[in-house]
Structures are given as C-alpha cells and as structure tokens.
C-alpha atoms as a PDB file:
ATOM      1  CA  MET A   1      28.010 -16.740 -24.457  1.00  0.00           C
ATOM      2  CA  ARG A   2      29.743 -14.981 -21.691  1.00  0.00           C
ATOM      3  CA  TRP A   3      28.385 -11.655 -19.764  1.00  0.00           C
ATOM      4  CA  SER A   4      29.750  -9.982 -16.606  1.00  0.00           C
ATOM      5  CA  GLY A   5      31.816 -13.252 -15.614  1.00  0.00           C
ATOM      6  CA  TYR A   6      28.642 -15.594 -16.149  1.00  0.00           C
ATOM      7  CA  ASP A   7      27.643 -18.238 -19.178  1.00  0.00           C
ATOM      8  CA  TYR A   8      23.990 -17.803 -20.836  1.00  0.00           C
ATOM      9  CA  ASP A   9      22.911 -19.380 -24.056  1.00  0.00           C
ATOM     10  CA  VAL A  10      20.577 -17.643 -26.523  1.00  0.00           C
ATOM     11  CA  LEU A  11      17.665 -18.830 -25.010  1.00  0.00           C
ATOM     12  CA  ASP A  12      18.526 -17.689 -21.128  1.00  0.00           C
ATOM     13  CA  PHE A  13      19.591 -14.653 -22.178  1.00  0.00           C
ATOM     14  CA  SER A  14      15.584 -14.742 -24.259  1.00  0.00           C
ATOM     15  CA  LEU A  15      14.030 -15.593 -20.897  1.00  0.00           C
ATOM     16  CA  ILE A  16      15.613 -12.563 -19.005  1.00  0.00           C
ATOM     17  CA  ILE A  17      15.104 -10.073 -21.098  1.00  0.00           C
ATOM     18  CA  LYS A  18      11.038 -11.232 -21.245  1.00  0.00           C
ATOM     19  CA  SER A  19      11.147 -11.730 -17.250  1.00  0.00           C
ATOM     20  CA  HIS A  20      12.406  -7.976 -17.340  1.00  0.00           C
ATOM     21  CA  ARG A  21       9.797  -6.500 -19.532  1.00  0.00           C
ATOM     22  CA  LYS A  22       7.348  -8.210 -17.540  1.00  0.00           C
ATOM     23  CA  ILE A  23       8.210  -6.342 -14.239  1.00  0.00           C
ATOM     24  CA  LEU A  24       8.525  -2.699 -16.407  1.00  0.00           C
ATOM     25  CA  ILE A  25       5.102  -3.436 -18.152  1.00  0.00           C
ATOM     26  CA  THR A  26       1.926  -3.354 -16.852  1.00  0.00           C
ATOM     27  CA  LYS A  27      -0.432  -5.525 -18.545  1.00  0.00           C
ATOM     28  CA  GLU A  28      -4.489  -6.382 -18.532  1.00  0.00           C
ATOM     29  CA  LYS A  29      -5.983  -9.370 -17.732  1.00  0.00           C
ATOM     30  CA  ASP A  30      -6.471 -10.243 -21.402  1.00  0.00           C
ATOM     31  CA  ASN A  31      -2.576  -9.364 -22.556  1.00  0.00           C
ATOM     32  CA  THR A  32      -3.611  -5.811 -23.498  1.00  0.00           C
ATOM     33  CA  MET A  33      -1.190  -2.699 -22.181  1.00  0.00           C
ATOM     34  CA  LYS A  34      -2.648   1.087 -20.837  1.00  0.00           C
ATOM     35  CA  TYR A  35      -2.314   3.241 -23.911  1.00  0.00           C
ATOM     36  CA  HIS A  36      -2.567   7.086 -23.585  1.00  0.00           C
ATOM     37  CA  VAL A  37      -4.214   8.958 -26.088  1.00  0.00           C
ATOM     38  CA  LEU A  38      -4.300  12.800 -26.652  1.00  0.00           C
ATOM     39  CA  LEU A  39      -7.956  14.159 -28.015  1.00  0.00           C
ATOM     40  CA  ILE A  40      -8.418  17.466 -29.457  1.00  0.00           C
ATOM     41  CA  GLU A  41     -11.767  19.371 -29.870  1.00  0.00           C
ATOM     42  CA  SER A  42     -12.760  20.690 -33.231  1.00  0.00           C
ATOM     43  CA  ASN A  43     -16.094  21.863 -33.696  1.00  0.00           C
ATOM     44  CA  GLY A  44     -17.590  20.062 -30.783  1.00  0.00           C
ATOM     45  CA  ARG A  45     -16.082  16.613 -31.169  1.00  0.00           C
ATOM     46  CA  TRP A  46     -13.060  14.654 -30.008  1.00  0.00           C
ATOM     47  CA  TYR A  47     -10.470  13.112 -32.496  1.00  0.00           C
ATOM     48  CA  ILE A  48      -7.631  11.255 -31.520  1.00  0.00           C
ATOM     49  CA  GLU A  49      -4.304  13.025 -32.803  1.00  0.00           C
ATOM     50  CA  PHE A  50      -1.395  11.219 -31.023  1.00  0.00           C
ATOM     51  CA  GLY A  51      -1.068   8.094 -28.289  1.00  0.00           C
ATOM     52  CA  ASP A  52       1.812   6.345 -26.628  1.00  0.00           C
ATOM     53  CA  TYR A  53       2.193   3.738 -24.058  1.00  0.00           C
ATOM     54  CA  ASP A  54       4.347   6.434 -21.778  1.00  0.00           C
ATOM     55  CA  ARG A  55       1.969   9.266 -20.412  1.00  0.00           C
ATOM     56  CA  ASP A  56       4.683  11.448 -20.302  1.00  0.00           C
ATOM     57  CA  VAL A  57       5.156  11.589 -24.219  1.00  0.00           C
ATOM     58  CA  VAL A  58       1.711  12.132 -24.886  1.00  0.00           C
ATOM     59  CA  LEU A  59       1.937  14.926 -22.628  1.00  0.00           C
ATOM     60  CA  GLU A  60       4.852  16.558 -23.954  1.00  0.00           C
ATOM     61  CA  GLU A  61       3.406  16.258 -27.326  1.00  0.00           C
ATOM     62  CA  LYS A  62       0.324  17.860 -25.941  1.00  0.00           C
ATOM     63  CA  SER A  63       2.649  20.585 -24.900  1.00  0.00           C
ATOM     64  CA  ASP A  64       4.452  21.273 -27.848  1.00  0.00           C
ATOM     65  CA  SER A  65       2.289  20.370 -30.657  1.00  0.00           C
ATOM     66  CA  TYR A  66      -1.246  21.559 -29.179  1.00  0.00           C
ATOM     67  CA  ALA A  67      -0.642  23.925 -26.740  1.00  0.00           C
ATOM     68  CA  ASP A  68      -3.145  26.536 -27.693  1.00  0.00           C
ATOM     69  CA  GLU A  69      -6.017  24.117 -28.252  1.00  0.00           C
ATOM     70  CA  LYS A  70      -8.470  22.334 -26.433  1.00  0.00           C
ATOM     71  CA  GLY A  71      -7.520  18.893 -25.596  1.00  0.00           C
ATOM     72  CA  LYS A  72      -7.421  16.200 -22.842  1.00  0.00           C
ATOM     73  CA  VAL A  73      -5.461  12.588 -22.424  1.00  0.00           C
ATOM     74  CA  ILE A  74      -7.391   9.232 -21.936  1.00  0.00           C
ATOM     75  CA  THR A  75      -5.913   5.915 -20.772  1.00  0.00           C
ATOM     76  CA  THR A  76      -7.458   2.921 -22.369  1.00  0.00           C
ATOM     77  CA  THR A  77      -5.882  -0.510 -23.393  1.00  0.00           C
ATOM     78  CA  ASP A  78      -3.777  -0.542 -26.693  1.00  0.00           C
ATOM     79  CA  ALA A  79      -6.528  -2.447 -28.420  1.00  0.00           C
ATOM     80  CA  GLN A  80      -7.907  -0.062 -31.359  1.00  0.00           C
ATOM     81  CA  LYS A  81     -11.449  -0.921 -30.936  1.00  0.00           C
ATOM     82  CA  ASP A  82     -11.051   0.060 -26.986  1.00  0.00           C
ATOM     83  CA  ILE A  83      -9.645   3.692 -28.150  1.00  0.00           C
ATOM     84  CA  ASP A  84     -12.444   3.965 -30.439  1.00  0.00           C
ATOM     85  CA  SER A  85     -14.819   2.954 -27.837  1.00  0.00           C
ATOM     86  CA  ALA A  86     -13.736   5.123 -25.480  1.00  0.00           C
ATOM     87  CA  VAL A  87     -13.433   8.788 -28.050  1.00  0.00           C
ATOM     88  CA  ALA A  88     -17.344   7.251 -29.215  1.00  0.00           C
ATOM     89  CA  LYS A  89     -18.666   7.665 -26.113  1.00  0.00           C
ATOM     90  CA  LEU A  90     -17.115  11.283 -25.551  1.00  0.00           C
ATOM     91  CA  ASN A  91     -18.641  12.012 -28.703  1.00  0.00           C
ATOM     92  CA  SER A  92     -21.859  10.850 -27.695  1.00  0.00           C
ATOM     93  CA  LYS A  93     -22.402  13.006 -24.705  1.00  0.00           C
END
C-alpha cells in the first residue's frame, strides 16, 4: 500500500491507527474509558437519559432535549456497573 509516498503494509497501517487512538482516548488503569452520563431528576430520583464519551455531546443533548428539566452530568468509567453504582449512590441520599 502506498500512502503519501511511503510504503505500508496492512499491519503497519493498523499499528499507526492504534497508536493514534491511544493518544486521543484517555484510558483508565483497568482499560475502561471516561464516560459522561446525563441524569434527569424525576420524583426525587435520578434516571439515566443519555451518555457519550464526549462531554460536549452530552451537554448539547441536555440543552437540546432536556432544557426545561432538572439534570446533571456525571463522569464515570464506561463500565455499566460503575455507571449504575454512581446513580444508586445519588439516589440513596
């Protein structure tokens, strides 16, 4: 494969992409990534409404779809158990 005057085989190109992704994505020690979750409060409890790896996307969703509702954005890992635990902690207060 030729790209910008250099020869790459498929394996080399794959390694370049993987290296680039490691720079762009912040990973936690256990190989999970930061995940931002929009919570909306209803009847004194918090409920998950939306989530994304990009905080700006979550904030945009909040302003576009939930502007009139009480909401908050929390950040956890992308592991579902961590998200559920964070919401349960908020709801236990």
